[in-house]
Protein backbone atom coordinates (compact mmCIF):
# COMPACT_ATOMS: atom_id res chain seq x y z
CA GLY A 1 121.25 89.58 96.31
CA ASP A 2 118.61 91.06 94.02
CA ILE A 3 119.60 94.38 92.44
CA LEU A 4 116.33 95.88 93.74
CA ASP A 5 117.29 95.13 97.36
CA GLY A 6 119.29 98.35 97.35
CA TYR A 7 116.17 100.41 96.64
CA LEU A 8 113.13 101.59 98.62
CA ARG A 9 109.97 100.89 96.60
CA THR A 10 106.81 103.05 96.65
CA ASP A 11 103.87 102.19 94.39
CA GLY A 12 101.58 104.76 92.79
CA VAL A 13 103.75 107.87 93.13
CA TRP A 14 105.70 110.20 90.83
CA ILE A 15 108.28 112.84 91.68
CA LEU A 16 108.97 116.07 89.81
CA THR A 17 112.62 116.33 88.80
CA ARG A 18 114.43 118.26 86.09
CA ASN A 19 117.47 116.04 85.70
CA LYS A 20 116.32 112.72 84.26
CA ARG A 21 116.82 110.34 81.33
CA SER A 22 114.28 108.09 79.64
CA TYR A 23 114.81 104.46 78.55
CA GLN A 24 112.64 101.65 77.22
CA THR A 25 112.97 98.56 79.44
CA ASN A 26 110.98 95.36 80.02
CA ASN A 27 110.91 95.40 83.82
CA GLU A 28 112.08 97.11 87.01
CA LYS A 29 115.35 95.14 87.19
CA GLU A 30 116.43 96.36 83.77
CA CYS A 31 115.55 99.90 84.83
CA ALA A 32 117.68 99.48 87.98
CA GLU A 33 120.58 98.42 85.76
CA LYS A 34 120.17 101.64 83.76
CA CYS A 35 120.26 103.61 87.03
CA GLU A 36 123.45 101.84 88.14
CA ALA A 37 125.09 102.50 84.76
CA GLU A 38 123.99 106.16 84.54
CA ARG A 39 126.96 108.45 83.84
CA SER A 40 125.36 111.80 82.98
CA PHE A 41 124.47 112.36 86.68
CA ASN A 42 124.35 110.51 90.01
CA CYS A 43 121.25 108.35 89.76
CA ARG A 44 119.47 108.46 93.13
CA ALA A 45 116.18 106.90 92.03
CA PHE A 46 114.18 105.67 89.07
CA LEU A 47 110.54 105.62 87.99
CA PHE A 48 109.02 102.68 86.10
CA THR A 49 105.60 102.70 84.41
CA ARG A 50 103.99 99.30 83.95
CA LYS A 51 101.78 100.06 80.94
CA LYS A 52 104.32 101.92 78.79
CA LEU A 53 107.31 99.99 80.20
CA GLN A 54 109.03 103.35 80.47
CA CYS A 55 112.10 103.79 82.67
CA LEU A 56 113.16 107.20 83.99
CA THR A 57 116.48 107.51 85.83
CA LEU A 58 116.49 110.46 88.24
CA ALA A 59 119.13 112.66 89.84
CA GLU A 60 116.78 113.39 92.77
CA ASN A 61 114.71 111.40 95.25
CA ALA A 62 111.62 112.12 97.36
CA LYS A 63 113.76 113.89 99.98
CA MET A 64 114.72 116.49 97.40
CA ALA A 65 111.70 116.77 95.09
CA VAL A 66 107.90 117.01 95.21
CA MET A 67 106.04 113.67 95.24
CA PHE A 68 102.44 113.14 94.06
CA ALA A 69 100.09 110.29 93.18
CA SER A 70 100.36 108.56 89.79
CA VAL A 71 98.41 105.31 89.36
CA ASP A 72 100.68 103.38 86.99
CA ALA A 73 104.09 104.45 88.30
CA VAL A 74 106.47 102.81 90.78
CA LEU A 75 109.24 104.81 92.45
CA TYR A 76 112.48 103.12 93.48
CA GLU A 77 114.88 105.20 95.63
CA LYS A 78 118.46 104.13 96.33
CA ARG A 79 118.65 103.34 100.02
CA ILE A 80 122.22 104.66 100.25
CA TYR A 81 120.95 108.19 99.49
CA LEU A 82 118.28 107.93 102.21
CA LEU A 83 120.78 106.83 104.88
CA GLU A 84 121.97 109.60 107.20
CA CYS A 85 124.68 107.65 109.01
CA LYS A 86 128.09 106.21 108.13
CA ARG A 87 129.16 102.60 107.91
CA GLY A 88 132.77 102.11 108.97
CA ILE A 89 134.84 105.12 107.85
CA GLY A 90 131.97 106.42 105.70
CA LYS A 91 133.56 105.88 102.29
CA ASP A 92 130.09 105.20 100.85
CA TYR A 93 128.28 107.90 102.87
CA ARG A 94 125.89 109.73 100.52
CA GLY A 95 123.79 111.69 103.00
CA THR A 96 123.11 115.43 102.92
CA GLU A 97 125.08 116.70 105.95
CA ALA A 98 126.71 119.94 104.78
CA LYS A 99 128.23 121.39 107.97
CA SER A 100 131.46 120.51 109.72
CA GLN A 101 131.56 119.31 113.33
CA ARG A 102 132.24 122.94 114.35
CA GLY A 103 129.08 124.06 112.56
CA ILE A 104 130.89 125.72 109.63
CA PRO A 105 129.03 125.41 106.27
CA CYS A 106 130.91 123.30 103.76
CA GLN A 107 132.38 124.63 100.52
CA LYS A 108 131.01 123.12 97.31
CA TRP A 109 133.35 120.48 95.92
CA ALA A 110 133.25 122.05 92.45
CA GLU A 111 134.24 125.53 93.69
CA LYS A 112 137.73 126.94 94.25
CA ILE A 113 136.94 129.70 96.76
CA PRO A 114 137.92 130.11 99.55
CA HIS A 115 140.01 126.92 99.16
CA LYS A 116 141.46 125.31 96.04
CA PRO A 117 140.48 121.64 96.41
CA ASN A 118 142.60 118.57 95.72
CA TYR A 119 139.45 116.46 95.50
CA THR A 120 136.97 117.51 92.80
CA PRO A 121 134.02 115.84 91.02
CA GLU A 122 136.07 115.66 87.80
CA LYS A 123 139.03 113.89 89.42
CA TYR A 124 136.89 111.56 91.57
CA PRO A 125 133.62 110.94 89.66
CA SER A 126 132.60 107.93 91.77
CA ALA A 127 133.17 109.57 95.20
CA GLY A 128 129.77 111.32 95.29
CA LEU A 129 131.28 114.84 95.46
CA GLU A 130 128.01 116.69 94.92
CA GLU A 131 126.99 120.09 96.18
CA ASN A 132 128.74 120.71 99.52
CA TYR A 133 127.83 117.41 101.20
CA CYS A 134 130.30 115.74 103.59
CA ARG A 135 132.18 112.90 101.89
CA ASN A 136 135.27 110.72 102.34
CA PRO A 137 136.96 110.52 98.92
CA ASP A 138 140.44 109.74 100.38
CA GLU A 139 139.23 107.04 102.80
CA ASP A 140 140.27 109.09 105.83
CA GLU A 141 140.05 106.89 108.94
CA ASN A 142 138.35 109.75 110.83
CA GLY A 143 135.36 109.64 108.50
CA PRO A 144 133.58 112.08 106.14
CA TRP A 145 134.86 115.65 105.90
CA CYS A 146 134.58 118.75 103.72
CA TYR A 147 136.40 121.93 102.75
CA THR A 148 134.90 124.75 104.80
CA THR A 149 133.67 128.20 103.82
CA ASP A 150 135.94 129.73 106.50
CA PRO A 151 139.15 131.01 104.80
CA ALA A 152 141.11 130.26 108.01
CA ILE A 153 140.04 126.58 108.17
CA ARG A 154 140.81 124.59 105.01
CA TYR A 155 138.87 121.44 105.98
CA ASP A 156 137.06 119.91 108.92
CA TYR A 157 135.48 116.55 109.77
CA CYS A 158 131.70 116.14 109.91
CA ASN A 159 129.58 114.85 112.77
CA ILE A 160 127.98 111.80 111.11
CA PRO A 161 126.47 109.20 113.47
CA ASP A 162 127.59 105.60 113.11
CA CYS A 163 124.88 103.34 111.69
CA GLU A 164 125.31 100.56 114.25
CA ASP A 165 125.86 102.71 117.35
CA GLN A 166 122.85 104.98 116.81
CA CYS A 167 120.30 102.78 115.10
CA MET A 168 116.64 102.21 115.89
CA GLN A 169 114.29 99.27 115.56
CA CYS A 170 111.11 99.77 113.57
CA ASN A 171 110.20 103.48 113.76
CA GLY A 172 112.13 104.18 116.94
CA GLU A 173 109.23 103.87 119.38
CA ASP A 174 111.65 102.02 121.67
CA TYR A 175 114.74 104.10 120.85
CA HIS A 176 116.65 105.01 124.05
CA GLY A 177 119.82 106.52 122.55
CA GLU A 178 121.35 109.89 123.31
CA VAL A 179 121.11 111.74 119.98
CA SER A 180 119.93 115.24 120.86
CA ARG A 181 120.14 117.16 117.58
CA THR A 182 117.66 117.30 114.71
CA GLU A 183 118.46 116.33 111.13
CA SER A 184 119.18 119.98 110.28
CA GLY A 185 121.57 120.31 113.23
CA LEU A 186 119.30 122.16 115.72
CA GLU A 187 119.73 121.35 119.39
CA CYS A 188 116.74 119.66 121.03
CA GLN A 189 114.65 121.32 123.74
CA ARG A 190 114.48 119.42 127.05
CA TRP A 191 111.26 117.46 127.47
CA ASP A 192 110.73 118.92 130.95
CA ALA A 193 110.99 122.50 129.60
CA GLN A 194 108.16 124.58 128.12
CA GLU A 195 110.38 127.15 126.40
CA PRO A 196 110.69 128.13 123.66
CA HIS A 197 107.82 125.71 122.82
CA MET A 198 104.91 124.73 125.06
CA HIS A 199 103.82 121.11 124.71
CA GLY A 200 102.07 118.20 126.41
CA PHE A 201 104.83 115.60 126.08
CA THR A 202 105.89 115.44 129.70
CA VAL A 203 107.07 112.56 131.89
CA LYS A 204 103.83 112.89 133.86
CA HIS A 205 101.67 112.35 130.78
CA TYR A 206 103.98 109.82 129.08
CA PRO A 207 105.75 107.98 131.93
CA GLU A 208 106.62 104.94 129.79
CA LYS A 209 108.19 106.89 126.87
CA ASP A 210 111.62 107.57 128.46
CA LEU A 211 111.46 111.34 127.89
CA LYS A 212 114.90 112.03 129.38
CA MET A 213 116.98 115.19 129.05
CA ASN A 214 116.65 116.47 125.48
CA TYR A 215 117.16 113.12 123.74
CA CYS A 216 115.27 112.36 120.53
CA ARG A 217 112.25 110.12 121.13
CA ASN A 218 109.11 108.90 119.36
CA PRO A 219 106.31 108.98 121.97
CA ASP A 220 103.44 109.33 119.49
CA GLY A 221 104.08 106.84 116.67
CA GLU A 222 105.70 109.26 114.23
CA LEU A 223 107.80 108.10 111.27
CA ARG A 224 110.96 108.25 113.40
CA PRO A 225 112.28 109.88 116.61
CA TRP A 226 111.95 113.66 116.86
CA CYS A 227 112.18 116.50 119.36
CA PHE A 228 111.09 120.07 119.95
CA THR A 229 113.96 122.39 119.00
CA THR A 230 115.64 125.23 120.87
CA SER A 231 114.97 127.50 117.89
CA PRO A 232 111.90 129.74 118.46
CA THR A 233 111.14 129.60 114.72
CA LYS A 234 111.20 125.78 114.37
CA ARG A 235 108.77 123.99 116.69
CA TRP A 236 109.90 120.39 116.05
CA GLU A 237 111.94 118.29 113.66
CA TYR A 238 112.92 114.68 113.02
CA CYS A 239 116.32 113.40 114.21
CA LYS A 240 118.99 111.59 112.20
CA ILE A 241 118.72 108.04 113.50
CA PRO A 242 118.99 105.19 110.96
CA ARG A 243 117.15 101.90 111.24
CA CYS A 244 119.16 98.93 112.52
CA THR A 245 120.18 96.39 109.89
CA THR A 246 118.43 93.61 111.83
CA GLN A 247 114.83 94.06 112.95
CA SER A 248 113.21 92.37 115.93
CA LEU A 249 109.70 91.52 114.77
CA VAL A 250 107.42 90.36 117.56
CA SER A 251 103.93 88.97 117.07
CA GLY A 252 101.66 89.46 120.08
CA PRO A 253 98.99 87.12 121.46
CA GLY A 254 96.28 88.82 119.45
CA SER A 255 97.93 88.40 116.08
CA GLN A 256 94.99 86.49 114.52
CA CYS A 257 92.11 88.04 116.46
CA LEU A 258 91.12 91.34 118.06
CA SER A 259 92.86 92.06 121.36
CA GLY A 260 92.64 95.58 122.77
CA LYS A 261 92.78 98.03 119.88
CA GLY A 262 94.17 95.38 117.54
CA GLU A 263 97.55 97.03 117.05
CA ASP A 264 99.22 93.60 116.91
CA TYR A 265 96.55 92.05 114.64
CA ARG A 266 98.26 90.24 111.73
CA GLY A 267 95.32 88.30 110.26
CA ARG A 268 94.21 88.33 106.63
CA ILE A 269 90.81 90.03 106.72
CA ALA A 270 90.85 92.59 103.86
CA VAL A 271 87.33 93.98 103.73
CA THR A 272 85.73 96.80 105.77
CA GLU A 273 82.67 96.55 107.99
CA SER A 274 80.46 97.96 105.19
CA GLY A 275 81.84 95.49 102.62
CA ASN A 276 84.38 97.67 100.79
CA ALA A 277 87.55 95.85 99.67
CA CYS A 278 90.76 97.25 101.14
CA GLN A 279 93.36 99.17 99.13
CA HIS A 280 96.88 97.69 99.10
CA TRP A 281 99.16 99.49 101.58
CA ASN A 282 102.00 99.83 99.06
CA THR A 283 99.82 101.69 96.54
CA GLN A 284 98.73 105.33 96.47
CA PHE A 285 95.54 104.83 94.47
CA PRO A 286 92.70 105.62 94.79
CA HIS A 287 93.81 107.20 98.08
CA LYS A 288 97.18 108.84 98.66
CA HIS A 289 98.55 108.15 102.16
CA ARG A 290 101.67 108.04 104.33
CA TRP A 291 101.53 104.40 105.53
CA ILE A 292 104.18 103.03 103.13
CA PRO A 293 105.25 99.51 104.24
CA ASP A 294 109.00 100.09 103.81
CA ARG A 295 108.82 103.16 106.04
CA TYR A 296 106.84 101.39 108.78
CA PRO A 297 108.53 97.96 108.85
CA CYS A 298 106.96 96.72 112.09
CA LYS A 299 103.33 97.65 111.47
CA GLY A 300 102.53 94.51 109.45
CA LEU A 301 101.38 96.49 106.39
CA GLU A 302 101.20 93.46 104.08
CA GLU A 303 99.02 93.17 101.00
CA ASN A 304 95.69 94.91 101.74
CA TYR A 305 95.02 93.35 105.14
CA CYS A 306 93.24 95.35 107.86
CA ARG A 307 95.71 96.84 110.33
CA ASN A 308 95.94 99.45 113.10
CA PRO A 309 99.28 101.24 112.60
CA ASP A 310 98.24 104.52 114.26
CA GLY A 311 96.48 103.53 117.50
CA GLU A 312 92.93 103.93 116.18
CA LYS A 313 89.98 102.30 117.99
CA ARG A 314 90.42 99.07 116.00
CA PRO A 315 91.96 97.77 112.74
CA TRP A 316 91.04 99.61 109.55
CA CYS A 317 92.15 100.10 105.95
CA TYR A 318 91.90 102.49 103.01
CA THR A 319 89.25 101.28 100.58
CA ILE A 320 89.28 100.79 96.80
CA ASN A 321 86.13 102.93 96.72
CA SER A 322 87.32 106.39 95.65
CA SER A 323 84.49 108.08 97.57
CA VAL A 324 85.26 106.27 100.87
CA ARG A 325 88.81 107.01 102.03
CA TRP A 326 88.97 104.52 104.94
CA GLU A 327 86.78 102.41 107.20
CA TYR A 328 87.08 100.13 110.22
CA CYS A 329 87.13 96.35 109.73
CA THR A 330 85.12 93.68 111.55
CA ILE A 331 87.65 91.44 113.32
CA PRO A 332 86.68 88.46 115.54
CA ALA A 333 87.58 89.19 119.16
CA CYS A 334 90.06 86.94 120.97
CA ASP A 335 87.50 86.19 123.69
CA GLY A 336 85.17 84.54 121.17
CA THR A 337 82.83 87.49 120.53
CA GLU A 338 82.61 89.19 117.17
CA GLN A 339 83.57 92.84 117.24
CA GLY A 340 81.00 95.00 115.52
CA ILE A 341 77.97 92.86 116.56
CA THR A 342 76.35 94.50 119.57
CA GLY A 343 74.42 92.81 122.32
CA MET A 344 76.60 89.68 122.59
CA ASN A 345 78.46 88.76 125.78
CA ASN A 346 77.97 92.19 127.33
CA VAL A 347 79.66 94.09 124.50
CA PRO A 348 78.81 97.74 125.29
CA ILE A 349 76.39 99.41 122.90
CA HIS A 350 77.12 103.10 122.25
CA PHE A 351 74.02 105.01 121.18
CA PRO A 352 74.80 108.33 119.48
CA LEU A 353 73.60 111.35 121.40
CA THR A 354 70.95 113.41 119.64
CA GLU A 355 72.29 116.77 120.80
CA GLU A 356 72.79 118.63 117.51
CA CYS A 357 72.96 122.18 118.85
CA TYR A 358 74.97 124.03 121.48
CA ARG A 359 74.23 126.66 124.13
CA GLY A 360 76.29 129.74 124.85
CA LYS A 361 79.78 129.11 123.47
CA GLY A 362 79.24 125.36 123.46
CA GLN A 363 81.59 124.54 126.35
CA SER A 364 78.98 122.13 127.69
CA TYR A 365 78.29 120.51 124.30
CA ARG A 366 78.66 116.71 124.59
CA GLY A 367 77.19 115.54 121.28
CA THR A 368 78.83 113.28 118.71
CA THR A 369 79.14 115.57 115.70
CA SER A 370 82.63 115.18 114.19
CA ILE A 371 82.36 117.16 110.93
CA THR A 372 83.49 120.76 110.44
CA ALA A 373 81.47 123.56 108.83
CA SER A 374 83.20 122.94 105.48
CA GLY A 375 82.63 119.17 105.64
CA LYS A 376 86.07 118.04 106.85
CA GLU A 377 86.38 115.09 109.23
CA CYS A 378 87.71 115.88 112.71
CA GLN A 379 91.06 114.59 113.99
CA ALA A 380 90.92 112.55 117.20
CA TRP A 381 91.91 114.63 120.24
CA ASN A 382 94.44 112.02 121.43
CA SER A 383 96.08 111.86 117.98
CA MET A 384 99.02 113.96 116.80
CA PHE A 385 98.47 113.31 113.09
CA PRO A 386 98.21 115.16 110.82
CA HIS A 387 98.43 118.05 113.34
CA ARG A 388 100.55 118.14 116.48
CA HIS A 389 98.75 120.03 119.26
CA GLU A 390 98.33 120.54 123.00
CA LYS A 391 94.54 120.11 123.35
CA THR A 392 94.81 116.57 124.74
CA PRO A 393 92.39 114.75 127.09
CA ASP A 394 95.14 114.72 129.76
CA ARG A 395 95.57 118.49 129.69
CA PHE A 396 91.82 119.22 129.54
CA PRO A 397 90.25 116.47 131.68
CA ASN A 398 86.93 118.33 132.13
CA ALA A 399 86.39 119.09 128.43
CA ASP A 400 85.28 115.55 127.49
CA LEU A 401 87.76 115.29 124.62
CA ARG A 402 86.54 111.88 123.48
CA GLU A 403 87.13 110.31 120.07
CA ASN A 404 87.06 113.07 117.45
CA TYR A 405 83.86 114.78 118.64
CA CYS A 406 83.52 118.56 118.34
CA ARG A 407 84.28 120.36 121.59
CA ASN A 408 85.24 123.77 122.98
CA PRO A 409 88.03 123.21 125.53
CA ASP A 410 89.53 126.72 125.27
CA ASP A 411 86.51 129.07 125.53
CA ASP A 412 86.37 129.77 121.79
CA ASN A 413 83.24 131.14 120.11
CA SER A 414 81.72 127.71 119.43
CA PRO A 415 82.65 123.99 119.30
CA TRP A 416 85.50 123.15 116.95
CA CYS A 417 88.09 120.48 116.17
CA PHE A 418 91.42 119.88 114.47
CA THR A 419 90.83 118.47 110.98
CA THR A 420 92.18 115.39 109.19
CA ASP A 421 93.15 117.66 106.27
CA PRO A 422 96.94 118.26 106.52
CA ASN A 423 96.42 121.75 105.02
CA THR A 424 93.75 122.88 107.51
CA LEU A 425 94.73 122.96 111.19
CA TRP A 426 91.24 123.50 112.68
CA GLU A 427 87.72 124.68 111.92
CA TYR A 428 84.47 125.38 113.72
CA CYS A 429 81.99 122.51 113.56
CA SER A 430 78.78 122.06 111.62
CA LEU A 431 76.52 122.83 114.58
CA LYS A 432 73.66 125.25 115.16
CA LYS A 433 73.06 127.27 118.28
CA CYS A 434 70.12 125.95 120.31
CA ASP A 435 66.87 127.93 120.24
CA ASP A 436 66.24 129.36 123.70
CA HIS A 437 62.83 127.61 123.73
CA THR A 438 64.24 124.19 122.88
CA GLN A 439 64.11 121.74 125.78
CA GLU A 440 67.37 120.06 126.86
């Protein structure tokens, strides 16, 4: 196949890395060839700039280095270095597991203490003997192993899941396997337990999500299955579950029109309800985002078409207008009505409430303000992105936690909300206290 098939592509990003080499090439394929032929280090990824036709081969990928937006750049990461499972006996395993199956940290392959190794990076340059990662340089039928840091145990095998036995479709929303450890090796907390971490992901609230035992699951549309951990200092973490090599892509009945929230909409409308053109999903300009098509293979993130990958009210997209991050799209409804045009065929009309102040602590506030005091947009109460929380409509049924409207479900000083800024968990809202003489 194509040489680029072995890489994960992300447009509009750059990563900071010290170990790199620069080449002049005509296209991405030539740059990939430079990466494959690199001998001064293990090339895990490469950056290509379209204007300068510059090629940078990198020793690190986005898992190991800081990533940020860069308009003209395209990042290609070798898929083999993103895979955290073994195929067959794991001869080509290049993941980052660095503990043995007994939990003993591995010795670095280049070191001679506490054990003098037979297998070193110098003797086996193509075996991927970097750092202290588990590898299988001698094609041991029991799989990847490492020398241990315990003087009494020379080597031990590593607990690497098999790619085919423990794989997931899409982003693992339907994963029902029995992996119960996080990617760093922490044991998962049982879903029916509230210690050491309290949470709202219970069988009662999510009966269809198969929250059994302490198995890794993806009940909220995350990047991949995760779990709360049994470590008091680490609330939650992703699990090591690779994607299956074959994907089952299903197109629902509403693929060309709006049905429900439009999560299965696969039409080609690419303009928002206010007329802004949509930004391509595989670019990070003008707006940097997490919805990279390769990482969400079943969300239909093609071209710049309107989609609903996160369970919003209806399909939306990022816009090419730098001052408007995202907007909803106007999609024809499957029943013949046009979504977004009120008054037709009994489509409900929602008039915004005019209540722009609150009384007391604002526990009774039921207005529609959804902006914080510093101007940040509020996160929807039923969403877990960018902040995971326990203030859900199910847990606080009397608090009217609708949409992303400011509320006070926990008797705080005034109405507040979680914010859509990943760096700011929550803030009080931009609301004034009602004058005592103001009529309700």
